[in-house]
Structures are given as C-alpha cells and as structure tokens.
Amino acid sequence: MDLSIGHMITLIYLKSIGDYVRAGVSANFYTVTKAARRKGQTAIGYRISAESKNVEKECGVYINPKKSEMVTFNSNEKIIVIAEV
C-alpha cells in the first residue's frame, strides 16, 4: 500500500520479528514499537504465522494490538510497519 505524505512515499511492510525483538522470548507490543521507532519506522501490528489460515482469527493479523499484552513470537512471525521507501 502506497501512502504519500508530502514529498515522502511510505509503504506498509511485513518485516521479520528478529529485526525487532528476539524470537522465543516474551515481549509486549510496546517493546516492538520502540524497536521500530529506532529504525525510523512505525509498527502498527503483527502477523502470527500459526494463525495464517484461520479466518476466524483474521488470518493471524493483529492491527493496533494492546501494547501491554505479552506475546512469545517465533522466528516465522512478522511485524507490520509503515516506513519510507
């Protein structure tokens, strides 16, 4: 998705969890957003790979999740970020 803001072009990306927090270790979304911010990105959610085929769980996509909820991400999980091209 292309979001043009002024002269900047920003896109929504699915990035590997390992670029933000350690896989296999519990973390909350607040920690993920801080890690994304250090990269100049805005984290808006995540995708749980084990739920990717479960329509009732929105295919594992969590947008604007509760920041305090602890999640143990595995190495296949993705963080959804908005970032400049």
Foldseek 3Di string as FASTA:
>chain_A
DWDDDPPWIKDKDWAWPVQQDDAQDKAFVVSSQVSQVVVVKGFFWKAACVQLPPVVCVSRTDGNDDRPDIDRHHRPMTTIIMHTD
